[in-house]
């Protein structure tokens, strides 16, 4: 899963993952933290690529709201 408020950056990250990490087969993108909470609950990602500087909440504030962090985080 990619959490980034900049859609262009998220799309580039998705493209890089798809090209260079074939083991990752399903990439989800969240542009807003509210969206990210929902996606984490539904899809239970193994890895989250988390932007730190975001307009609503920074990456650390967002993660402090996640009930269970059962995934790896890459900032």
PDB file of N, CA and C in Angstrom:
ATOM      1  N   UNK A   1       0.840  -1.169   0.000  1.00  0.00           N
ATOM      2  CA  UNK A   1       0.000   0.000   0.000  1.00  0.00           C
ATOM      3  C   UNK A   1       0.885   1.232   0.000  1.00  0.00           C
ATOM      4  N   UNK A   2       0.450   2.249  -0.730  1.00  0.00           N
ATOM      5  CA  UNK A   2       1.157   3.520  -0.799  1.00  0.00           C
ATOM      6  C   UNK A   2       0.236   4.594  -0.239  1.00  0.00           C
ATOM      7  N   UNK A   3       0.741   5.352   0.728  1.00  0.00           N
ATOM      8  CA  UNK A   3      -0.019   6.474   1.281  1.00  0.00           C
ATOM      9  C   UNK A   3       0.772   7.733   0.977  1.00  0.00           C
ATOM     10  N   UNK A   4       0.236   8.555   0.072  1.00  0.00           N
ATOM     11  CA  UNK A   4       0.934   9.775  -0.349  1.00  0.00           C
ATOM     12  C   UNK A   4      -0.098  10.742  -0.894  1.00  0.00           C
ATOM     13  N   UNK A   5      -0.037  11.989  -0.467  1.00  0.00           N
ATOM     14  CA  UNK A   5      -1.006  12.987  -0.917  1.00  0.00           C
ATOM     15  C   UNK A   5      -0.718  13.468  -2.338  1.00  0.00           C
ATOM     16  N   UNK A   6       0.441  13.164  -2.862  1.00  0.00           N
ATOM     17  CA  UNK A   6       0.790  13.562  -4.230  1.00  0.00           C
ATOM     18  C   UNK A   6       0.573  12.371  -5.162  1.00  0.00           C
ATOM     19  N   UNK A   7      -0.478  12.447  -5.961  1.00  0.00           N
ATOM     20  CA  UNK A   7      -0.858  11.316  -6.817  1.00  0.00           C
ATOM     21  C   UNK A   7       0.249  10.957  -7.794  1.00  0.00           C
ATOM     22  N   UNK A   8       0.960  11.942  -8.318  1.00  0.00           N
ATOM     23  CA  UNK A   8       2.042  11.647  -9.264  1.00  0.00           C
ATOM     24  C   UNK A   8       3.145  10.830  -8.592  1.00  0.00           C
ATOM     25  N   UNK A   9       3.504  11.195  -7.371  1.00  0.00           N
ATOM     26  CA  UNK A   9       4.535  10.455  -6.631  1.00  0.00           C
ATOM     27  C   UNK A   9       4.060   9.037  -6.324  1.00  0.00           C
ATOM     28  N   UNK A  10       2.801   8.904  -5.949  1.00  0.00           N
ATOM     29  CA  UNK A  10       2.243   7.574  -5.658  1.00  0.00           C
ATOM     30  C   UNK A  10       2.240   6.698  -6.910  1.00  0.00           C
ATOM     31  N   UNK A  11       1.900   7.292  -8.043  1.00  0.00           N
ATOM     32  CA  UNK A  11       1.885   6.523  -9.295  1.00  0.00           C
ATOM     33  C   UNK A  11       3.290   6.082  -9.696  1.00  0.00           C
ATOM     34  N   UNK A  12       4.286   6.942  -9.500  1.00  0.00           N
ATOM     35  CA  UNK A  12       5.672   6.574  -9.804  1.00  0.00           C
ATOM     36  C   UNK A  12       6.116   5.429  -8.883  1.00  0.00           C
ATOM     37  N   UNK A  13       5.769   5.528  -7.615  1.00  0.00           N
ATOM     38  CA  UNK A  13       6.112   4.463  -6.660  1.00  0.00           C
ATOM     39  C   UNK A  13       5.459   3.147  -7.071  1.00  0.00           C
ATOM     40  N   UNK A  14       4.201   3.197  -7.458  1.00  0.00           N
ATOM     41  CA  UNK A  14       3.504   1.992  -7.901  1.00  0.00           C
ATOM     42  C   UNK A  14       4.194   1.393  -9.127  1.00  0.00           C
ATOM     43  N   UNK A  15       4.555   2.219 -10.080  1.00  0.00           N
ATOM     44  CA  UNK A  15       5.236   1.741 -11.278  1.00  0.00           C
ATOM     45  C   UNK A  15       6.578   1.089 -10.934  1.00  0.00           C
ATOM     46  N   UNK A  16       7.334   1.701 -10.031  1.00  0.00           N
ATOM     47  CA  UNK A  16       8.616   1.137  -9.621  1.00  0.00           C
ATOM     48  C   UNK A  16       8.438  -0.213  -8.938  1.00  0.00           C
ATOM     49  N   UNK A  17       7.431  -0.319  -8.089  1.00  0.00           N
ATOM     50  CA  UNK A  17       7.157  -1.589  -7.407  1.00  0.00           C
ATOM     51  C   UNK A  17       6.784  -2.662  -8.423  1.00  0.00           C
ATOM     52  N   UNK A  18       5.884  -2.319  -9.327  1.00  0.00           N
ATOM     53  CA  UNK A  18       5.435  -3.299 -10.321  1.00  0.00           C
ATOM     54  C   UNK A  18       6.581  -3.775 -11.210  1.00  0.00           C
ATOM     55  N   UNK A  19       7.502  -2.884 -11.548  1.00  0.00           N
ATOM     56  CA  UNK A  19       8.621  -3.247 -12.425  1.00  0.00           C
ATOM     57  C   UNK A  19       9.731  -4.009 -11.720  1.00  0.00           C
ATOM     58  N   UNK A  20       9.984  -3.667 -10.455  1.00  0.00           N
ATOM     59  CA  UNK A  20      11.181  -4.179  -9.792  1.00  0.00           C
ATOM     60  C   UNK A  20      10.933  -5.153  -8.648  1.00  0.00           C
ATOM     61  N   UNK A  21       9.686  -5.287  -8.219  1.00  0.00           N
ATOM     62  CA  UNK A  21       9.381  -6.196  -7.111  1.00  0.00           C
ATOM     63  C   UNK A  21       8.183  -7.062  -7.507  1.00  0.00           C
ATOM     64  N   UNK A  22       8.425  -8.074  -8.324  1.00  0.00           N
ATOM     65  CA  UNK A  22       7.302  -8.888  -8.809  1.00  0.00           C
ATOM     66  C   UNK A  22       6.585  -9.660  -7.707  1.00  0.00           C
ATOM     67  N   UNK A  23       7.215  -9.806  -6.551  1.00  0.00           N
ATOM     68  CA  UNK A  23       6.564 -10.507  -5.431  1.00  0.00           C
ATOM     69  C   UNK A  23       5.373  -9.711  -4.893  1.00  0.00           C
ATOM     70  N   UNK A  24       5.380  -8.415  -5.096  1.00  0.00           N
ATOM     71  CA  UNK A  24       4.249  -7.586  -4.675  1.00  0.00           C
ATOM     72  C   UNK A  24       3.260  -7.569  -5.834  1.00  0.00           C
ATOM     73  N   UNK A  25       2.110  -8.174  -5.614  1.00  0.00           N
ATOM     74  CA  UNK A  25       1.168  -8.384  -6.710  1.00  0.00           C
ATOM     75  C   UNK A  25      -0.051  -7.468  -6.678  1.00  0.00           C
ATOM     76  N   UNK A  26      -0.316  -6.828  -5.558  1.00  0.00           N
ATOM     77  CA  UNK A  26      -1.516  -5.993  -5.441  1.00  0.00           C
ATOM     78  C   UNK A  26      -1.138  -4.704  -4.719  1.00  0.00           C
ATOM     79  N   UNK A  27      -1.097  -3.599  -5.444  1.00  0.00           N
ATOM     80  CA  UNK A  27      -0.707  -2.315  -4.868  1.00  0.00           C
ATOM     81  C   UNK A  27      -1.937  -1.423  -4.781  1.00  0.00           C
ATOM     82  N   UNK A  28      -2.197  -0.912  -3.591  1.00  0.00           N
ATOM     83  CA  UNK A  28      -3.302   0.029  -3.369  1.00  0.00           C
ATOM     84  C   UNK A  28      -2.705   1.392  -3.051  1.00  0.00           C
ATOM     85  N   UNK A  29      -3.388   2.454  -3.481  1.00  0.00           N
ATOM     86  CA  UNK A  29      -2.936   3.822  -3.225  1.00  0.00           C
ATOM     87  C   UNK A  29      -4.015   4.561  -2.456  1.00  0.00           C
ATOM     88  N   UNK A  30      -3.589   5.272  -1.417  1.00  0.00           N
ATOM     89  CA  UNK A  30      -4.483   6.166  -0.675  1.00  0.00           C
ATOM     90  C   UNK A  30      -3.889   7.573  -0.736  1.00  0.00           C
ATOM     91  N   UNK A  31      -4.702   8.525  -1.134  1.00  0.00           N
ATOM     92  CA  UNK A  31      -4.262   9.912  -1.236  1.00  0.00           C
ATOM     93  C   UNK A  31      -4.574  10.670   0.057  1.00  0.00           C
ATOM     94  N   UNK A  32      -5.595  10.251   0.766  1.00  0.00           N
ATOM     95  CA  UNK A  32      -5.992  10.888   2.032  1.00  0.00           C
ATOM     96  C   UNK A  32      -5.897   9.874   3.159  1.00  0.00           C
ATOM     97  N   UNK A  33      -5.659  10.369   4.365  1.00  0.00           N
ATOM     98  CA  UNK A  33      -5.515   9.462   5.501  1.00  0.00           C
ATOM     99  C   UNK A  33      -6.819   8.739   5.821  1.00  0.00           C
ATOM    100  N   UNK A  34      -7.958   9.384   5.585  1.00  0.00           N
ATOM    101  CA  UNK A  34      -9.233   8.706   5.834  1.00  0.00           C
ATOM    102  C   UNK A  34      -9.373   7.497   4.911  1.00  0.00           C
ATOM    103  N   UNK A  35      -8.963   7.671   3.691  1.00  0.00           N
ATOM    104  CA  UNK A  35      -8.953   6.595   2.712  1.00  0.00           C
ATOM    105  C   UNK A  35      -7.980   5.490   3.138  1.00  0.00           C
ATOM    106  N   UNK A  36      -6.840   5.890   3.659  1.00  0.00           N
ATOM    107  CA  UNK A  36      -5.809   4.931   4.074  1.00  0.00           C
ATOM    108  C   UNK A  36      -6.309   4.042   5.206  1.00  0.00           C
ATOM    109  N   UNK A  37      -6.998   4.622   6.178  1.00  0.00           N
ATOM    110  CA  UNK A  37      -7.548   3.827   7.285  1.00  0.00           C
ATOM    111  C   UNK A  37      -8.471   2.735   6.749  1.00  0.00           C
ATOM    112  N   UNK A  38      -9.335   3.116   5.834  1.00  0.00           N
ATOM    113  CA  UNK A  38     -10.284   2.162   5.259  1.00  0.00           C
ATOM    114  C   UNK A  38      -9.567   1.052   4.489  1.00  0.00           C
ATOM    115  N   UNK A  39      -8.584   1.416   3.675  1.00  0.00           N
ATOM    116  CA  UNK A  39      -7.851   0.418   2.898  1.00  0.00           C
ATOM    117  C   UNK A  39      -7.065  -0.534   3.788  1.00  0.00           C
ATOM    118  N   UNK A  40      -6.458  -0.017   4.834  1.00  0.00           N
ATOM    119  CA  UNK A  40      -5.705  -0.877   5.759  1.00  0.00           C
ATOM    120  C   UNK A  40      -6.648  -1.890   6.410  1.00  0.00           C
ATOM    121  N   UNK A  41      -7.812  -1.430   6.824  1.00  0.00           N
ATOM    122  CA  UNK A  41      -8.780  -2.335   7.454  1.00  0.00           C
ATOM    123  C   UNK A  41      -9.268  -3.410   6.496  1.00  0.00           C
ATOM    124  N   UNK A  42      -9.528  -3.031   5.260  1.00  0.00           N
ATOM    125  CA  UNK A  42     -10.081  -3.975   4.285  1.00  0.00           C
ATOM    126  C   UNK A  42      -9.051  -4.934   3.707  1.00  0.00           C
ATOM    127  N   UNK A  43      -7.880  -4.423   3.368  1.00  0.00           N
ATOM    128  CA  UNK A  43      -6.932  -5.234   2.604  1.00  0.00           C
ATOM    129  C   UNK A  43      -5.755  -5.772   3.404  1.00  0.00           C
ATOM    130  N   UNK A  44      -5.562  -5.294   4.618  1.00  0.00           N
ATOM    131  CA  UNK A  44      -4.510  -5.810   5.498  1.00  0.00           C
ATOM    132  C   UNK A  44      -3.166  -5.953   4.766  1.00  0.00           C
ATOM    133  N   UNK A  45      -2.544  -4.825   4.426  1.00  0.00           N
ATOM    134  CA  UNK A  45      -1.299  -4.870   3.650  1.00  0.00           C
ATOM    135  C   UNK A  45      -0.137  -5.466   4.445  1.00  0.00           C
ATOM    136  N   UNK A  46       0.833  -5.994   3.731  1.00  0.00           N
ATOM    137  CA  UNK A  46       2.065  -6.484   4.351  1.00  0.00           C
ATOM    138  C   UNK A  46       3.081  -5.357   4.495  1.00  0.00           C
ATOM    139  N   UNK A  47       3.053  -4.422   3.540  1.00  0.00           N
ATOM    140  CA  UNK A  47       3.994  -3.300   3.524  1.00  0.00           C
ATOM    141  C   UNK A  47       3.220  -2.024   3.228  1.00  0.00           C
ATOM    142  N   UNK A  48       3.566  -0.950   3.949  1.00  0.00           N
ATOM    143  CA  UNK A  48       2.994   0.365   3.673  1.00  0.00           C
ATOM    144  C   UNK A  48       4.136   1.328   3.385  1.00  0.00           C
ATOM    145  N   UNK A  49       4.086   1.950   2.205  1.00  0.00           N
ATOM    146  CA  UNK A  49       5.009   3.015   1.858  1.00  0.00           C
ATOM    147  C   UNK A  49       4.319   4.309   2.264  1.00  0.00           C
ATOM    148  N   UNK A  50       4.832   4.950   3.319  1.00  0.00           N
ATOM    149  CA  UNK A  50       4.156   6.060   3.972  1.00  0.00           C
ATOM    150  C   UNK A  50       4.886   7.376   3.739  1.00  0.00           C
ATOM    151  N   UNK A  51       4.180   8.343   3.165  1.00  0.00           N
ATOM    152  CA  UNK A  51       4.695   9.705   3.069  1.00  0.00           C
ATOM    153  C   UNK A  51       4.668  10.306   4.466  1.00  0.00           C
ATOM    154  N   UNK A  52       5.643  11.123   4.789  1.00  0.00           N
ATOM    155  CA  UNK A  52       5.664  11.750   6.118  1.00  0.00           C
ATOM    156  C   UNK A  52       4.941  13.089   6.101  1.00  0.00           C
ATOM    157  N   UNK A  53       5.245  13.936   5.123  1.00  0.00           N
ATOM    158  CA  UNK A  53       4.663  15.277   5.072  1.00  0.00           C
ATOM    159  C   UNK A  53       3.403  15.236   4.218  1.00  0.00           C
ATOM    160  N   UNK A  54       2.259  15.378   4.916  1.00  0.00           N
ATOM    161  CA  UNK A  54       0.962  15.362   4.241  1.00  0.00           C
ATOM    162  C   UNK A  54       0.119  16.485   4.819  1.00  0.00           C
ATOM    163  N   UNK A  55      -0.858  17.005   4.064  1.00  0.00           N
ATOM    164  CA  UNK A  55      -1.606  18.183   4.536  1.00  0.00           C
ATOM    165  C   UNK A  55      -2.551  17.931   5.713  1.00  0.00           C
ATOM    166  N   UNK A  56      -3.223  16.781   5.743  1.00  0.00           N
ATOM    167  CA  UNK A  56      -4.194  16.528   6.812  1.00  0.00           C
ATOM    168  C   UNK A  56      -3.488  16.202   8.127  1.00  0.00           C
ATOM    169  N   UNK A  57      -2.630  15.194   8.069  1.00  0.00           N
ATOM    170  CA  UNK A  57      -1.860  14.717   9.224  1.00  0.00           C
ATOM    171  C   UNK A  57      -0.532  14.249   8.672  1.00  0.00           C
ATOM    172  N   UNK A  58       0.504  14.358   9.490  1.00  0.00           N
ATOM    173  CA  UNK A  58       1.763  13.804   8.989  1.00  0.00           C
ATOM    174  C   UNK A  58       1.736  12.285   9.153  1.00  0.00           C
ATOM    175  N   UNK A  59       2.704  11.615   8.559  1.00  0.00           N
ATOM    176  CA  UNK A  59       2.729  10.157   8.570  1.00  0.00           C
ATOM    177  C   UNK A  59       2.756   9.555   9.958  1.00  0.00           C
ATOM    178  N   UNK A  60       3.445  10.212  10.887  1.00  0.00           N
ATOM    179  CA  UNK A  60       3.525   9.698  12.258  1.00  0.00           C
ATOM    180  C   UNK A  60       2.193   9.855  12.990  1.00  0.00           C
ATOM    181  N   UNK A  61       1.524  10.979  12.781  1.00  0.00           N
ATOM    182  CA  UNK A  61       0.196  11.172  13.386  1.00  0.00           C
ATOM    183  C   UNK A  61      -0.781  10.133  12.849  1.00  0.00           C
ATOM    184  N   UNK A  62      -0.722   9.903  11.546  1.00  0.00           N
ATOM    185  CA  UNK A  62      -1.599   8.897  10.948  1.00  0.00           C
ATOM    186  C   UNK A  62      -1.358   7.525  11.570  1.00  0.00           C
ATOM    187  N   UNK A  63      -0.099   7.111  11.643  1.00  0.00           N
ATOM    188  CA  UNK A  63       0.213   5.787  12.179  1.00  0.00           C
ATOM    189  C   UNK A  63      -0.166   5.638  13.649  1.00  0.00           C
ATOM    190  N   UNK A  64      -0.134   6.741  14.400  1.00  0.00           N
ATOM    191  CA  UNK A  64      -0.530   6.662  15.813  1.00  0.00           C
ATOM    192  C   UNK A  64      -2.021   6.357  15.961  1.00  0.00           C
ATOM    193  N   UNK A  65      -2.792   6.581  14.911  1.00  0.00           N
ATOM    194  CA  UNK A  65      -4.227   6.298  14.936  1.00  0.00           C
ATOM    195  C   UNK A  65      -4.578   4.885  14.473  1.00  0.00           C
ATOM    196  N   UNK A  66      -3.633   4.198  13.886  1.00  0.00           N
ATOM    197  CA  UNK A  66      -3.889   2.842  13.394  1.00  0.00           C
ATOM    198  C   UNK A  66      -3.933   1.897  14.588  1.00  0.00           C
ATOM    199  N   UNK A  67      -5.030   1.147  14.721  1.00  0.00           N
ATOM    200  CA  UNK A  67      -5.221   0.291  15.887  1.00  0.00           C
ATOM    201  C   UNK A  67      -4.143  -0.777  16.010  1.00  0.00           C
ATOM    202  N   UNK A  68      -3.924  -1.527  14.956  1.00  0.00           N
ATOM    203  CA  UNK A  68      -2.899  -2.574  14.970  1.00  0.00           C
ATOM    204  C   UNK A  68      -2.016  -2.398  13.750  1.00  0.00           C
ATOM    205  N   UNK A  69      -0.750  -2.267  13.986  1.00  0.00           N
ATOM    206  CA  UNK A  69       0.200  -2.164  12.878  1.00  0.00           C
ATOM    207  C   UNK A  69       0.791  -3.558  12.651  1.00  0.00           C
ATOM    208  N   UNK A  70       0.168  -4.271  11.727  1.00  0.00           N
ATOM    209  CA  UNK A  70       0.586  -5.619  11.375  1.00  0.00           C
ATOM    210  C   UNK A  70       1.269  -5.627  10.016  1.00  0.00           C
ATOM    211  N   UNK A  71       2.029  -4.582   9.743  1.00  0.00           N
ATOM    212  CA  UNK A  71       2.679  -4.431   8.444  1.00  0.00           C
ATOM    213  C   UNK A  71       4.009  -3.715   8.641  1.00  0.00           C
ATOM    214  N   UNK A  72       4.868  -3.873   7.649  1.00  0.00           N
ATOM    215  CA  UNK A  72       6.123  -3.156   7.634  1.00  0.00           C
ATOM    216  C   UNK A  72       5.874  -1.749   7.108  1.00  0.00           C
ATOM    217  N   UNK A  73       6.639  -0.775   7.594  1.00  0.00           N
ATOM    218  CA  UNK A  73       6.473   0.603   7.180  1.00  0.00           C
ATOM    219  C   UNK A  73       7.765   1.099   6.550  1.00  0.00           C
ATOM    220  N   UNK A  74       7.646   1.692   5.389  1.00  0.00           N
ATOM    221  CA  UNK A  74       8.784   2.319   4.722  1.00  0.00           C
ATOM    222  C   UNK A  74       8.415   3.774   4.498  1.00  0.00           C
ATOM    223  N   UNK A  75       9.207   4.672   5.076  1.00  0.00           N
ATOM    224  CA  UNK A  75       8.950   6.115   4.911  1.00  0.00           C
ATOM    225  C   UNK A  75       9.685   6.625   3.697  1.00  0.00           C
TER     226      UNK A  75
END
